[in-house]
Amino acid sequence: MNKSAAAEHRAAALHTPTDLKPEATKDLTAALNLLLADYFALYLKTKNFHWHMSGPHFRDYHLLLDEQGDQIFETTDPLAERVRKIGGNTLRSIGQIGKLQRVLDNDADFVTPQDMLAELGDDNRQLVTHLREAHDVCDEFGDVASASLIENWIDEAERRAWFLFEASR
C-alpha cells in the first residue's frame, strides 16, 4: 500500500458492511450504546461498593460484589463489538458514558451494607427493564443476534438482582 492509499485508508470513515438498513443501524446502535453506558456505570458502582464494604458479613458481600462486578464487566466487550458488527460506532470516553448512563452514581462517603445491596438490586432490576426495551428495538428490525445476547444478559441481571435481594433479607 503506497503512502497515498494508506492516508486515504486512515481517513475513511468506519464503515462495517451490514444487511441492516441505515435506520435500523442507527436505532440499534443508540439502544445498545445506552446499555453499554449503563453496564459501565453499574460495573463501577458495584466495584465501589465492593471496595467500601464493611460489617459482619464483609467477606460474603465483598466476594458477591466482586463476582457480580466481573460478570457485568465481561458483558461490555461483546456489547460494544455487537454495535460495531451492525455498522455502528460505540462509546469513546468516560464523558460519553456519563452523558448516556441511566444508572445513578453513588458518591456518598458511607453507605451501609444493606443499602448497598438494595441499591444494586434496584439498579439490576432497572437494567432488566432497559434490556427488554432494547430487545424490542432488536425485534422491530429483525436483529436476532443482538436479541439473543440480550436474552442471556436479562437472565444474568435477574440472577444478580435475586442474589442481592436474598442476601439483604
Protein backbone atom coordinates (compact mmCIF):
# COMPACT_ATOMS: atom_id res chain seq x y z
CA MET A 1 0.00 0.00 0.00
CA ASN A 2 1.54 3.33 -1.04
CA LYS A 3 1.50 6.46 1.13
CA SER A 4 -1.47 7.99 -0.66
CA ALA A 5 -3.57 4.84 -0.34
CA ALA A 6 -2.58 4.47 3.32
CA ALA A 7 -3.58 8.08 4.05
CA GLU A 8 -6.90 7.57 2.27
CA HIS A 9 -7.48 4.35 4.21
CA ARG A 10 -6.81 6.11 7.56
CA ALA A 11 -9.15 8.97 6.68
CA ALA A 12 -12.02 6.71 5.62
CA ALA A 13 -14.99 6.60 7.98
CA LEU A 14 -15.58 3.38 9.86
CA HIS A 15 -17.99 1.52 7.67
CA THR A 16 -18.79 -2.06 8.55
CA PRO A 17 -20.90 -3.81 5.92
CA THR A 18 -24.29 -4.98 7.19
CA ASP A 19 -27.57 -6.07 5.69
CA LEU A 20 -29.41 -3.82 8.15
CA LYS A 21 -30.93 -0.63 6.80
CA PRO A 22 -29.33 2.65 7.95
CA GLU A 23 -32.34 3.44 10.18
CA ALA A 24 -32.00 0.05 11.86
CA THR A 25 -28.29 0.55 12.46
CA LYS A 26 -28.97 4.00 13.89
CA ASP A 27 -31.72 2.87 16.27
CA LEU A 28 -29.98 -0.35 17.32
CA THR A 29 -26.71 1.48 17.91
CA ALA A 30 -28.46 4.03 20.10
CA ALA A 31 -30.20 1.33 22.15
CA LEU A 32 -27.05 -0.77 22.56
CA ASN A 33 -24.86 2.21 23.45
CA LEU A 34 -27.32 3.21 26.18
CA LEU A 35 -26.98 -0.31 27.57
CA LEU A 36 -23.21 -0.14 27.31
CA ALA A 37 -23.13 3.12 29.29
CA ASP A 38 -25.38 1.54 31.92
CA TYR A 39 -23.13 -1.50 32.15
CA PHE A 40 -20.02 0.63 32.70
CA ALA A 41 -21.82 2.73 35.33
CA LEU A 42 -23.17 -0.37 37.09
CA TYR A 43 -19.74 -2.00 36.97
CA LEU A 44 -18.07 0.95 38.65
CA LYS A 45 -20.85 1.27 41.24
CA THR A 46 -20.62 -2.45 42.03
CA LYS A 47 -16.85 -2.21 42.42
CA ASN A 48 -17.22 0.95 44.53
CA PHE A 49 -19.49 -0.92 46.94
CA HIS A 50 -17.18 -3.96 46.80
CA TRP A 51 -14.21 -1.79 47.81
CA HIS A 52 -16.12 0.01 50.57
CA MET A 53 -17.99 -2.94 52.06
CA SER A 54 -17.76 -3.37 55.83
CA GLY A 55 -19.53 -5.13 58.67
CA PRO A 56 -20.11 -8.64 59.97
CA HIS A 57 -20.91 -10.08 56.51
CA PHE A 58 -17.95 -8.35 54.89
CA ARG A 59 -16.40 -11.44 53.33
CA ASP A 60 -19.60 -12.81 51.80
CA TYR A 61 -20.77 -9.44 50.44
CA HIS A 62 -17.29 -8.46 49.29
CA LEU A 63 -16.96 -11.69 47.30
CA LEU A 64 -20.53 -11.46 45.96
CA LEU A 65 -19.95 -7.95 44.62
CA ASP A 66 -16.59 -8.94 43.18
CA GLU A 67 -18.21 -11.82 41.29
CA GLN A 68 -21.05 -9.61 40.09
CA GLY A 69 -18.66 -6.85 39.03
CA ASP A 70 -16.68 -9.33 36.95
CA GLN A 71 -19.85 -10.58 35.25
CA ILE A 72 -21.01 -7.04 34.49
CA PHE A 73 -17.63 -6.05 33.06
CA GLU A 74 -17.48 -9.21 30.92
CA THR A 75 -20.61 -8.01 29.13
CA THR A 76 -19.08 -4.75 27.93
CA ASP A 77 -16.84 -6.11 25.19
CA PRO A 78 -19.44 -8.33 23.47
CA LEU A 79 -21.92 -5.45 23.70
CA ALA A 80 -19.55 -2.92 22.14
CA GLU A 81 -18.46 -5.39 19.49
CA ARG A 82 -22.10 -6.03 18.60
CA VAL A 83 -22.51 -2.30 17.91
CA ARG A 84 -19.54 -2.45 15.54
CA LYS A 85 -20.78 -5.64 13.83
CA ILE A 86 -24.05 -3.93 12.87
CA GLY A 87 -22.18 -0.96 11.41
CA GLY A 88 -22.44 1.45 14.32
CA ASN A 89 -19.91 3.38 16.37
CA THR A 90 -19.67 2.73 20.06
CA LEU A 91 -18.71 4.71 23.14
CA ARG A 92 -15.41 6.54 23.07
CA SER A 93 -14.98 8.07 26.51
CA ILE A 94 -15.96 8.23 30.16
CA GLY A 95 -17.58 11.57 29.37
CA GLN A 96 -19.85 9.92 26.83
CA ILE A 97 -20.73 7.21 29.35
CA GLY A 98 -21.64 9.94 31.84
CA LYS A 99 -23.98 11.58 29.34
CA LEU A 100 -25.77 8.34 28.44
CA GLN A 101 -25.87 6.32 31.66
CA ARG A 102 -29.19 5.78 33.38
CA VAL A 103 -27.68 4.03 36.40
CA LEU A 104 -27.27 6.68 39.08
CA ASP A 105 -23.87 7.17 40.69
CA ASN A 106 -23.43 6.93 44.44
CA ASP A 107 -20.62 9.16 45.70
CA ALA A 108 -21.61 9.01 49.37
CA ASP A 109 -18.77 8.78 51.89
CA PHE A 110 -20.51 5.89 53.65
CA VAL A 111 -23.27 3.51 52.57
CA THR A 112 -24.46 0.72 54.84
CA PRO A 113 -24.06 -2.81 53.50
CA GLN A 114 -27.86 -3.26 53.41
CA ASP A 115 -28.28 -0.04 51.44
CA MET A 116 -25.54 -1.13 49.03
CA LEU A 117 -27.27 -4.43 48.33
CA ALA A 118 -30.70 -2.79 47.99
CA GLU A 119 -29.40 -0.10 45.64
CA LEU A 120 -27.56 -2.57 43.42
CA GLY A 121 -30.64 -4.80 43.39
CA ASP A 122 -32.74 -1.87 42.19
CA ASP A 123 -30.12 -0.98 39.59
CA ASN A 124 -30.06 -4.53 38.22
CA ARG A 125 -33.86 -4.67 38.06
CA GLN A 126 -33.87 -1.35 36.22
CA LEU A 127 -31.21 -2.74 33.87
CA VAL A 128 -33.54 -5.66 33.10
CA THR A 129 -36.22 -3.15 32.08
CA HIS A 130 -33.75 -1.37 29.79
CA LEU A 131 -32.57 -4.67 28.34
CA ARG A 132 -36.17 -5.60 27.50
CA GLU A 133 -36.64 -2.21 25.81
CA ALA A 134 -33.51 -2.77 23.71
CA HIS A 135 -34.78 -6.25 22.87
CA ASP A 136 -37.95 -4.64 21.49
CA VAL A 137 -35.80 -2.50 19.19
CA CYS A 138 -33.97 -5.65 18.04
CA ASP A 139 -37.30 -7.34 17.34
CA GLU A 140 -38.50 -4.32 15.37
CA PHE A 141 -35.57 -4.63 12.96
CA GLY A 142 -35.12 -8.40 12.97
CA ASP A 143 -31.74 -8.27 14.73
CA VAL A 144 -31.90 -11.76 16.19
CA ALA A 145 -28.20 -11.86 17.10
CA SER A 146 -28.42 -8.80 19.37
CA ALA A 147 -31.73 -10.06 20.77
CA SER A 148 -30.16 -13.43 21.60
CA LEU A 149 -27.31 -11.79 23.51
CA ILE A 150 -29.75 -9.54 25.36
CA GLU A 151 -31.83 -12.54 26.42
CA ASN A 152 -28.80 -14.00 28.19
CA TRP A 153 -27.96 -10.65 29.77
CA ILE A 154 -31.52 -10.36 31.08
CA ASP A 155 -31.12 -13.72 32.81
CA GLU A 156 -27.77 -12.65 34.30
CA ALA A 157 -29.16 -9.33 35.59
CA GLU A 158 -32.20 -11.07 37.07
CA ARG A 159 -29.90 -13.52 38.83
CA ARG A 160 -27.78 -10.68 40.25
CA ALA A 161 -30.92 -8.90 41.48
CA TRP A 162 -32.19 -12.12 43.03
CA PHE A 163 -28.92 -12.80 44.86
CA LEU A 164 -28.79 -9.20 46.14
CA PHE A 165 -32.39 -9.44 47.34
CA GLU A 166 -31.84 -12.75 49.13
CA ALA A 167 -28.56 -11.59 50.68
CA SER A 168 -30.25 -8.47 52.09
CA ARG A 169 -33.14 -10.27 53.86
